[in-house]
Protein backbone atom coordinates (compact mmCIF):
# COMPACT_ATOMS: atom_id res chain seq x y z
CA MET A 1 0.00 0.00 0.00
CA TYR A 2 1.43 3.30 -1.17
CA SER A 3 0.77 6.94 -0.26
CA ALA A 4 -0.84 9.43 -2.64
CA GLU A 5 2.47 10.88 -3.89
CA THR A 6 3.72 7.51 -5.18
CA LEU A 7 4.41 7.73 -8.92
CA ILE A 8 2.97 5.03 -11.18
CA SER A 9 4.54 4.34 -14.61
CA MET A 10 1.92 4.80 -17.32
CA VAL A 11 2.02 3.11 -20.74
CA ASP A 12 2.21 6.52 -22.47
CA GLY A 13 5.59 7.19 -20.79
CA THR A 14 4.27 9.57 -18.15
CA PHE A 15 3.94 9.15 -14.39
CA LYS A 16 0.75 9.62 -12.43
CA ASN A 17 0.29 9.86 -8.67
CA ILE A 18 -1.35 6.67 -7.43
CA ASN A 19 -4.31 8.59 -6.00
CA ASN A 20 -5.06 9.87 -9.54
CA ILE A 21 -5.10 6.41 -11.14
CA ARG A 22 -8.53 5.38 -12.44
CA VAL A 23 -10.11 2.11 -13.52
CA GLY A 24 -9.21 1.55 -17.18
CA ASP A 25 -5.88 3.41 -17.01
CA LYS A 26 -3.06 1.57 -18.80
CA ILE A 27 0.04 0.78 -16.74
CA TYR A 28 2.99 -1.61 -17.13
CA ASN A 29 3.44 -4.89 -15.31
CA LYS A 30 6.90 -6.19 -14.35
CA LEU A 31 7.31 -7.69 -17.84
CA PHE A 32 6.66 -4.27 -19.45
CA LYS A 33 3.35 -5.52 -20.80
CA PRO A 34 0.52 -2.98 -20.83
CA VAL A 35 -2.29 -3.90 -18.45
CA SER A 36 -5.52 -2.15 -17.51
CA VAL A 37 -6.32 -1.11 -13.97
CA SER A 38 -9.39 -3.03 -12.82
CA ARG A 39 -9.71 -1.67 -9.28
CA ILE A 40 -8.05 0.75 -6.89
CA HIS A 41 -8.02 -0.30 -3.25
CA LEU A 42 -7.58 2.39 -0.62
CA GLN A 43 -7.14 2.07 3.10
CA GLU A 44 -7.30 4.91 5.58
CA ASN A 45 -5.06 5.19 8.64
CA THR A 46 -2.43 2.74 7.40
CA PRO A 47 0.80 2.68 9.45
CA VAL A 48 3.52 3.78 7.03
CA ALA A 49 7.27 4.22 6.74
CA GLU A 50 8.77 7.25 5.00
CA ILE A 51 11.25 6.32 2.31
CA GLN A 52 13.27 7.90 -0.42
CA LEU A 53 15.14 5.93 -3.03
CA ASN A 54 18.22 6.87 -5.03
CA ASN A 55 16.35 6.54 -8.34
CA GLY A 56 15.28 10.18 -8.70
CA THR A 57 11.82 9.84 -7.22
CA GLY A 58 10.75 11.92 -4.24
CA VAL A 59 9.91 11.00 -0.67
CA PHE A 60 6.87 8.78 -0.35
CA PHE A 61 5.22 6.62 2.28
CA ILE A 62 4.64 2.90 2.12
CA SER A 63 3.18 0.24 4.33
CA PRO A 64 6.13 -1.76 5.74
CA THR A 65 4.28 -4.92 4.69
CA ALA A 66 4.06 -3.87 1.02
CA LYS A 67 6.05 -6.21 -1.20
CA VAL A 68 8.63 -5.30 -3.83
CA PHE A 69 10.67 -7.46 -6.18
CA SER A 70 14.20 -7.97 -4.93
CA HIS A 71 17.37 -9.90 -5.57
CA CYS A 72 18.86 -11.72 -2.58
CA SER A 73 22.10 -13.45 -1.71
CA ARG A 74 21.48 -16.35 0.64
CA ILE A 75 23.86 -17.36 3.44
CA ASP A 76 25.00 -20.36 1.38
CA GLY A 77 26.02 -17.99 -1.44
CA SER A 78 23.14 -18.91 -3.76
CA GLN A 79 21.16 -16.17 -5.45
CA CYS A 80 17.39 -15.78 -5.61
CA ALA A 81 14.85 -13.32 -6.94
CA GLU A 82 11.74 -13.00 -4.82
CA TYR A 83 9.18 -10.66 -3.38
CA CYS A 84 10.20 -9.14 -0.09
CA THR A 85 8.41 -6.72 2.23
CA ILE A 86 9.85 -3.22 2.48
CA ALA A 87 10.43 -3.85 6.20
CA ASP A 88 12.57 -6.90 5.37
CA THR A 89 14.76 -5.06 2.86
CA HIS A 90 16.36 -2.55 5.20
CA ALA A 91 18.78 -2.81 8.08
CA GLU A 92 19.22 -0.54 11.09
CA GLY A 93 19.86 3.04 10.06
CA GLY A 94 17.81 2.82 6.87
CA LYS A 95 20.49 1.16 4.74
CA LEU A 96 19.51 -1.57 2.34
CA LYS A 97 20.66 -4.94 3.68
CA ASN A 98 23.86 -6.08 2.00
CA SER A 99 22.23 -9.29 0.82
CA ILE A 100 19.23 -7.59 -0.84
CA LYS A 101 18.85 -5.30 -3.84
CA ILE A 102 15.51 -3.85 -4.90
CA LEU A 103 15.15 -4.31 -8.63
CA SER A 104 14.31 -1.48 -10.97
CA PRO A 105 14.55 -1.39 -14.77
CA GLU A 106 16.99 1.51 -14.57
CA SER A 107 19.38 0.26 -11.90
CA ASP A 108 19.52 -1.39 -8.52
CA VAL A 109 17.82 0.82 -5.98
CA VAL A 110 18.98 1.73 -2.50
CA PHE A 111 17.31 3.74 0.23
CA THR A 112 18.32 7.36 0.70
CA THR A 113 16.09 7.35 3.77
CA PHE A 114 13.93 4.76 5.49
CA ASN A 115 12.16 6.06 8.56
CA ASN A 116 10.01 3.47 10.28
CA SER A 117 10.63 4.84 13.78
CA ASN A 118 7.41 6.84 14.09
CA VAL A 119 4.90 4.01 14.35
CA SER A 120 2.07 6.45 15.01
CA LEU A 121 2.39 7.95 11.50
CA THR A 122 -0.58 6.89 9.38
CA LYS A 123 -1.79 7.86 5.93
CA THR A 124 -4.39 6.86 3.39
CA THR A 125 -2.72 4.32 1.14
CA TYR A 126 -3.60 2.95 -2.28
CA CYS A 127 -3.00 -0.24 -4.20
CA ILE A 128 -3.67 -1.02 -7.85
CA HIS A 129 -5.38 -4.18 -9.03
CA THR A 130 -5.27 -5.54 -12.56
CA LEU A 131 -6.50 -8.77 -14.10
CA ASP A 132 -2.91 -9.56 -15.05
CA PRO A 133 -1.62 -12.78 -13.43
CA THR A 134 1.68 -11.15 -12.34
CA ARG A 135 -0.26 -8.65 -10.18
CA THR A 136 2.63 -6.21 -10.53
CA PHE A 137 3.12 -2.56 -11.42
CA PHE A 138 5.85 0.07 -11.20
CA ALA A 139 5.63 2.31 -8.12
CA ASN A 140 8.35 4.97 -7.97
CA LYS A 141 10.22 2.98 -10.63
CA ILE A 142 10.43 -0.23 -8.59
CA ILE A 143 8.48 -3.43 -9.16
CA ALA A 144 5.56 -3.47 -6.72
CA CYS A 145 3.06 -6.20 -6.03
CA CYS A 146 -0.67 -5.66 -5.76
CA CYS A 147 -1.72 -5.75 -2.08
CA ASN A 148 0.76 -8.45 -1.08
CA GLU A 149 -0.94 -11.03 -3.29
CA ILE A 150 1.39 -12.85 -5.66
CA ILE A 151 0.36 -15.35 -8.29
């Protein structure tokens, strides 16, 4: 779940704030296939963390349980690509954990800030639903997953 200022990548090459997305809008899934928005889910008073990424997007707020696509190095040295909650991707001090990289089409993404210390901070958050089986979209240029549901 993402705050209103989260930028969504539109098929026409523009970005639109998630709170301005409408049913029928065309967005990209993680495979860069155009998909139509079928529903927008919003939730009021969601506990959020403030984050900023190094990919040129501004500060936005996200539910710590929201999932993003990441690349991980396991303890045994093997590599995996999987969905990971935002809360699981960062270490103390807001740094991205050494073993995890958030994937973006432009480059690997790291946190400029991650502030999850103010647990009383809440916002209205939004999530996009499509009929696409990947259930993914680009939120602030990273691969996001629709309401923690992955198919």
